[in-house]
Amino acid sequence: MLSTPDGAWAERLLLGLRPAVEEHGLFLGVATFDSPDAVPAGPGEERLLQDMLPARRSEFTAGRCAARRALARAGIPAGEILRAGRRPRMPAGSVGSITHCAGAAVALAAPRWRSPSVGIDLELRPLPPRAARLVLSPDEQSWLNRTSRTEAGEAEDEGRLLAAFSAKEAAFKAFSTLLAPQEAPTMLLGIAIRPVPGGFRAWPRRLPGRVLDVAVRPVGPGVLSWTAAPPGAQY
């Protein structure tokens, strides 16, 4: 079983991935749940926190802190980041996505001219093998079965399942803003993936021509996945 890093360790590992993200014109922000500026930025965020349980409050404030840090690196000023449905409402002229796990939050941001939609996902906890049927279609599960059922083989399968799950999560977030509500996938099984060097290619099963490339990188025992629709993409 893989061990899970704490927030500070995860933050160091994630910051090490910043060059790989930002060389593509995207911007990465990282915050731990106990970061000094992981606090509400104003009364609007305070109101959003009122009905949240303590653990969810920590996720929310760290996620907003990470988003403001990502936007600052992009040169985009940001105060409060409220909500548009379940998604963060980014400042005008920008796009962004937030994820959090194991005491750390990560945000991906970009100017809208650079990408019409982005998605990011952090996974630091392993998934049980039985979760494969909830994440992968039968044809996608075949690449999980290429190793023998030795201890090493099971660990490799566990890692590949986590990478596939994370890639689908990142793609799901991007497609949810990129596509019209009636076209966007409503579950991970609605997204098809194919392994490619450095990550996966993803598309909605009902719309095979609408493709996103998802980068996947190791973060200790887990993975960080991110994607961005190309500039001017017409989906």
Protein backbone atom coordinates (compact mmCIF):
# COMPACT_ATOMS: atom_id res chain seq x y z
CA MET A 1 0.00 0.00 0.00
CA LEU A 2 1.29 3.46 -0.87
CA SER A 3 1.87 5.95 1.94
CA THR A 4 0.45 9.47 1.67
CA PRO A 5 2.64 12.58 2.03
CA ASP A 6 1.53 15.42 4.29
CA GLY A 7 0.65 18.86 2.98
CA ALA A 8 4.12 20.38 3.38
CA TRP A 9 5.83 17.50 1.61
CA ALA A 10 3.22 17.55 -1.15
CA GLU A 11 3.73 21.31 -1.55
CA ARG A 12 7.47 20.86 -2.13
CA LEU A 13 6.89 18.13 -4.69
CA LEU A 14 4.22 20.15 -6.48
CA LEU A 15 6.35 23.27 -6.69
CA GLY A 16 8.97 21.14 -8.38
CA LEU A 17 6.48 20.54 -11.21
CA ARG A 18 5.88 24.25 -11.79
CA PRO A 19 8.39 24.55 -14.69
CA ALA A 20 6.76 21.63 -16.54
CA VAL A 21 3.37 23.34 -16.27
CA GLU A 22 4.41 26.92 -16.90
CA GLU A 23 6.48 26.22 -20.00
CA HIS A 24 3.12 25.85 -21.76
CA GLY A 25 1.81 29.26 -20.69
CA LEU A 26 -0.18 27.88 -17.76
CA PHE A 27 0.35 28.94 -14.17
CA LEU A 28 0.43 26.81 -11.05
CA GLY A 29 -0.38 27.89 -7.50
CA VAL A 30 0.08 25.70 -4.42
CA ALA A 31 -1.07 26.19 -0.82
CA THR A 32 -1.28 23.98 2.23
CA PHE A 33 -4.32 23.95 4.46
CA ASP A 34 -2.33 25.81 7.13
CA SER A 35 -0.83 28.46 4.80
CA PRO A 36 -1.02 31.86 6.53
CA ASP A 37 -3.00 33.40 3.67
CA ALA A 38 -5.39 30.45 3.31
CA VAL A 39 -8.20 32.59 4.71
CA PRO A 40 -11.34 34.13 3.19
CA ALA A 41 -10.53 37.10 0.96
CA GLY A 42 -13.74 38.95 1.77
CA PRO A 43 -17.38 38.74 2.88
CA GLY A 44 -18.47 36.75 -0.16
CA GLU A 45 -16.08 33.92 0.61
CA GLU A 46 -17.04 34.19 4.29
CA ARG A 47 -20.67 33.57 3.35
CA LEU A 48 -19.74 30.54 1.26
CA LEU A 49 -17.95 29.08 4.29
CA GLN A 50 -20.88 29.42 6.69
CA ASP A 51 -22.54 26.09 5.96
CA MET A 52 -19.33 24.09 5.43
CA LEU A 53 -17.91 21.55 7.84
CA PRO A 54 -14.40 22.34 9.18
CA ALA A 55 -12.60 19.95 6.81
CA ARG A 56 -14.39 21.42 3.80
CA ARG A 57 -13.58 24.95 4.98
CA SER A 58 -9.88 24.08 5.00
CA GLU A 59 -10.11 22.70 1.47
CA PHE A 60 -12.00 25.77 0.25
CA THR A 61 -9.71 28.41 1.74
CA ALA A 62 -6.52 26.61 0.67
CA GLY A 63 -7.94 26.14 -2.83
CA ARG A 64 -8.80 29.84 -3.16
CA CYS A 65 -5.37 30.74 -1.83
CA ALA A 66 -3.74 28.48 -4.43
CA ALA A 67 -5.90 30.03 -7.16
CA ARG A 68 -4.90 33.57 -6.19
CA ARG A 69 -1.25 32.51 -6.23
CA ALA A 70 -1.65 30.98 -9.70
CA LEU A 71 -3.41 34.10 -10.98
CA ALA A 72 -0.71 36.33 -9.52
CA ARG A 73 1.92 34.38 -11.46
CA ALA A 74 -0.18 34.96 -14.59
CA GLY A 75 -0.25 38.70 -13.85
CA ILE A 76 -3.99 38.67 -13.16
CA PRO A 77 -5.13 40.44 -9.97
CA ALA A 78 -7.73 38.57 -7.95
CA GLY A 79 -9.64 39.23 -4.77
CA GLU A 80 -12.54 37.02 -3.82
CA ILE A 81 -13.10 33.92 -5.93
CA LEU A 82 -16.73 32.95 -5.55
CA ARG A 83 -18.66 30.19 -7.31
CA ALA A 84 -20.41 29.62 -10.60
CA GLY A 85 -22.46 26.54 -9.76
CA ARG A 86 -19.94 24.12 -8.28
CA ARG A 87 -16.95 25.67 -10.07
CA PRO A 88 -14.79 28.61 -8.98
CA ARG A 89 -15.73 31.90 -10.62
CA MET A 90 -12.42 33.15 -11.94
CA PRO A 91 -11.71 36.83 -12.67
CA ALA A 92 -12.77 38.19 -16.06
CA GLY A 93 -10.35 37.26 -18.80
CA SER A 94 -9.02 34.18 -17.01
CA VAL A 95 -9.75 30.48 -16.61
CA GLY A 96 -8.83 28.21 -13.73
CA SER A 97 -9.30 24.93 -11.94
CA ILE A 98 -8.68 23.85 -8.33
CA THR A 99 -7.92 20.52 -6.69
CA HIS A 100 -6.95 19.46 -3.17
CA CYS A 101 -5.80 16.31 -1.41
CA ALA A 102 -3.98 15.34 1.80
CA GLY A 103 -3.58 18.83 3.19
CA ALA A 104 -2.48 20.52 -0.05
CA ALA A 105 -4.37 22.50 -2.68
CA VAL A 106 -3.27 23.18 -6.25
CA ALA A 107 -4.73 25.56 -8.81
CA LEU A 108 -4.13 25.94 -12.53
CA ALA A 109 -4.81 29.33 -14.12
CA ALA A 110 -4.31 30.96 -17.49
CA PRO A 111 -5.43 34.01 -19.43
CA ARG A 112 -8.53 33.16 -21.44
CA TRP A 113 -6.73 34.02 -24.68
CA ARG A 114 -4.26 31.23 -23.86
CA SER A 115 -6.92 28.58 -23.28
CA PRO A 116 -10.73 28.58 -23.13
CA SER A 117 -10.73 25.90 -20.41
CA VAL A 118 -8.33 24.10 -18.08
CA GLY A 119 -8.57 21.22 -15.62
CA ILE A 120 -6.31 19.95 -12.84
CA ASP A 121 -6.43 17.03 -10.41
CA LEU A 122 -4.22 15.89 -7.55
CA GLU A 123 -4.41 12.33 -6.21
CA LEU A 124 -2.19 11.17 -3.35
CA ARG A 125 -4.24 8.28 -2.01
CA PRO A 126 -4.39 4.91 -3.79
CA LEU A 127 -7.58 3.51 -5.26
CA PRO A 128 -8.64 -0.08 -4.55
CA PRO A 129 -8.48 -2.34 -7.63
CA ARG A 130 -12.25 -2.83 -7.51
CA ALA A 131 -12.65 0.87 -8.33
CA ALA A 132 -11.44 0.19 -11.88
CA ARG A 133 -14.93 -0.73 -13.05
CA LEU A 134 -16.22 2.64 -11.81
CA VAL A 135 -13.51 4.56 -13.65
CA LEU A 136 -12.55 2.58 -16.76
CA SER A 137 -14.59 0.97 -19.49
CA PRO A 138 -13.93 -2.73 -20.19
CA ASP A 139 -11.66 -1.90 -23.13
CA GLU A 140 -9.67 0.57 -21.00
CA GLN A 141 -9.18 -1.99 -18.24
CA SER A 142 -7.13 -4.22 -20.54
CA TRP A 143 -3.96 -2.14 -20.10
CA LEU A 144 -4.25 -2.68 -16.34
CA ASN A 145 -3.90 -6.41 -16.83
CA ARG A 146 -0.51 -6.50 -18.55
CA THR A 147 1.50 -7.30 -15.41
CA SER A 148 1.47 -10.49 -13.41
CA ARG A 149 -0.28 -10.58 -10.08
CA THR A 150 2.95 -10.35 -8.10
CA GLU A 151 3.32 -7.70 -5.40
CA ALA A 152 5.19 -5.50 -7.88
CA GLY A 153 2.55 -6.09 -10.52
CA GLU A 154 -0.27 -5.12 -8.18
CA ALA A 155 1.55 -1.95 -7.16
CA GLU A 156 2.05 -1.02 -10.81
CA ASP A 157 -1.63 -1.65 -11.53
CA GLU A 158 -2.56 0.52 -8.55
CA GLY A 159 -0.40 3.35 -9.88
CA ARG A 160 -1.77 3.09 -13.40
CA LEU A 161 -5.35 3.07 -12.12
CA LEU A 162 -4.66 6.19 -10.05
CA ALA A 163 -3.12 7.93 -13.09
CA ALA A 164 -6.11 7.05 -15.26
CA PHE A 165 -8.56 8.23 -12.62
CA SER A 166 -6.70 11.51 -12.16
CA ALA A 167 -6.46 12.13 -15.91
CA LYS A 168 -10.19 11.61 -16.26
CA GLU A 169 -10.87 13.98 -13.36
CA ALA A 170 -8.77 16.73 -14.97
CA ALA A 171 -10.46 16.19 -18.34
CA PHE A 172 -13.89 16.12 -16.70
CA LYS A 173 -13.29 19.57 -15.19
CA ALA A 174 -12.10 21.02 -18.49
CA PHE A 175 -14.95 19.54 -20.52
CA SER A 176 -17.51 20.80 -18.00
CA THR A 177 -16.75 24.40 -18.99
CA LEU A 178 -15.64 23.73 -22.57
CA LEU A 179 -18.82 21.99 -23.73
CA ALA A 180 -22.47 22.92 -23.58
CA PRO A 181 -24.25 21.43 -20.53
CA GLN A 182 -26.13 18.92 -22.67
CA GLU A 183 -22.86 17.73 -24.25
CA ALA A 184 -20.50 17.61 -21.26
CA PRO A 185 -19.92 14.18 -19.66
CA THR A 186 -21.76 13.71 -16.37
CA MET A 187 -19.51 10.92 -15.03
CA LEU A 188 -15.97 9.65 -15.51
CA LEU A 189 -17.13 6.66 -17.52
CA GLY A 190 -18.45 9.16 -20.05
CA ILE A 191 -14.84 10.10 -20.84
CA ALA A 192 -12.66 7.80 -22.93
CA ILE A 193 -8.87 7.81 -22.56
CA ARG A 194 -5.89 6.36 -24.37
CA PRO A 195 -2.35 6.27 -22.95
CA VAL A 196 0.14 8.48 -24.78
CA PRO A 197 3.69 9.51 -23.82
CA GLY A 198 3.51 11.73 -20.76
CA GLY A 199 -0.15 11.09 -19.99
CA PHE A 200 -3.41 10.38 -21.77
CA ARG A 201 -5.57 11.55 -24.65
CA ALA A 202 -9.16 12.10 -23.49
CA TRP A 203 -12.48 12.71 -25.23
CA PRO A 204 -16.21 12.45 -24.45
CA ARG A 205 -17.46 9.07 -25.61
CA ARG A 206 -20.39 10.70 -27.35
CA LEU A 207 -18.17 13.31 -29.04
CA PRO A 208 -15.00 11.49 -30.16
CA GLY A 209 -13.75 14.44 -32.20
CA ARG A 210 -13.35 16.70 -29.19
CA VAL A 211 -10.00 15.73 -27.75
CA LEU A 212 -7.83 16.99 -24.90
CA ASP A 213 -4.30 15.92 -24.05
CA VAL A 214 -3.81 15.37 -20.31
CA ALA A 215 -0.33 15.52 -18.78
CA VAL A 216 0.29 13.22 -15.79
CA ARG A 217 3.31 13.52 -13.51
CA PRO A 218 4.24 11.63 -10.33
CA VAL A 219 3.94 13.40 -6.98
CA GLY A 220 5.48 11.09 -4.39
CA PRO A 221 3.13 8.10 -4.24
CA GLY A 222 0.47 9.92 -6.25
CA VAL A 223 0.00 11.98 -9.41
CA LEU A 224 -0.84 15.44 -10.64
CA SER A 225 -2.79 15.70 -13.89
CA TRP A 226 -3.60 18.79 -15.90
CA THR A 227 -5.02 19.75 -19.27
CA ALA A 228 -5.74 22.90 -21.25
CA ALA A 229 -7.77 23.31 -24.40
CA PRO A 230 -5.68 24.85 -27.19
CA PRO A 231 -6.10 28.55 -27.96
CA GLY A 232 -9.07 29.27 -30.17
CA ALA A 233 -10.43 25.73 -29.86
CA GLN A 234 -14.01 25.54 -31.12
CA TYR A 235 -15.79 22.78 -29.24
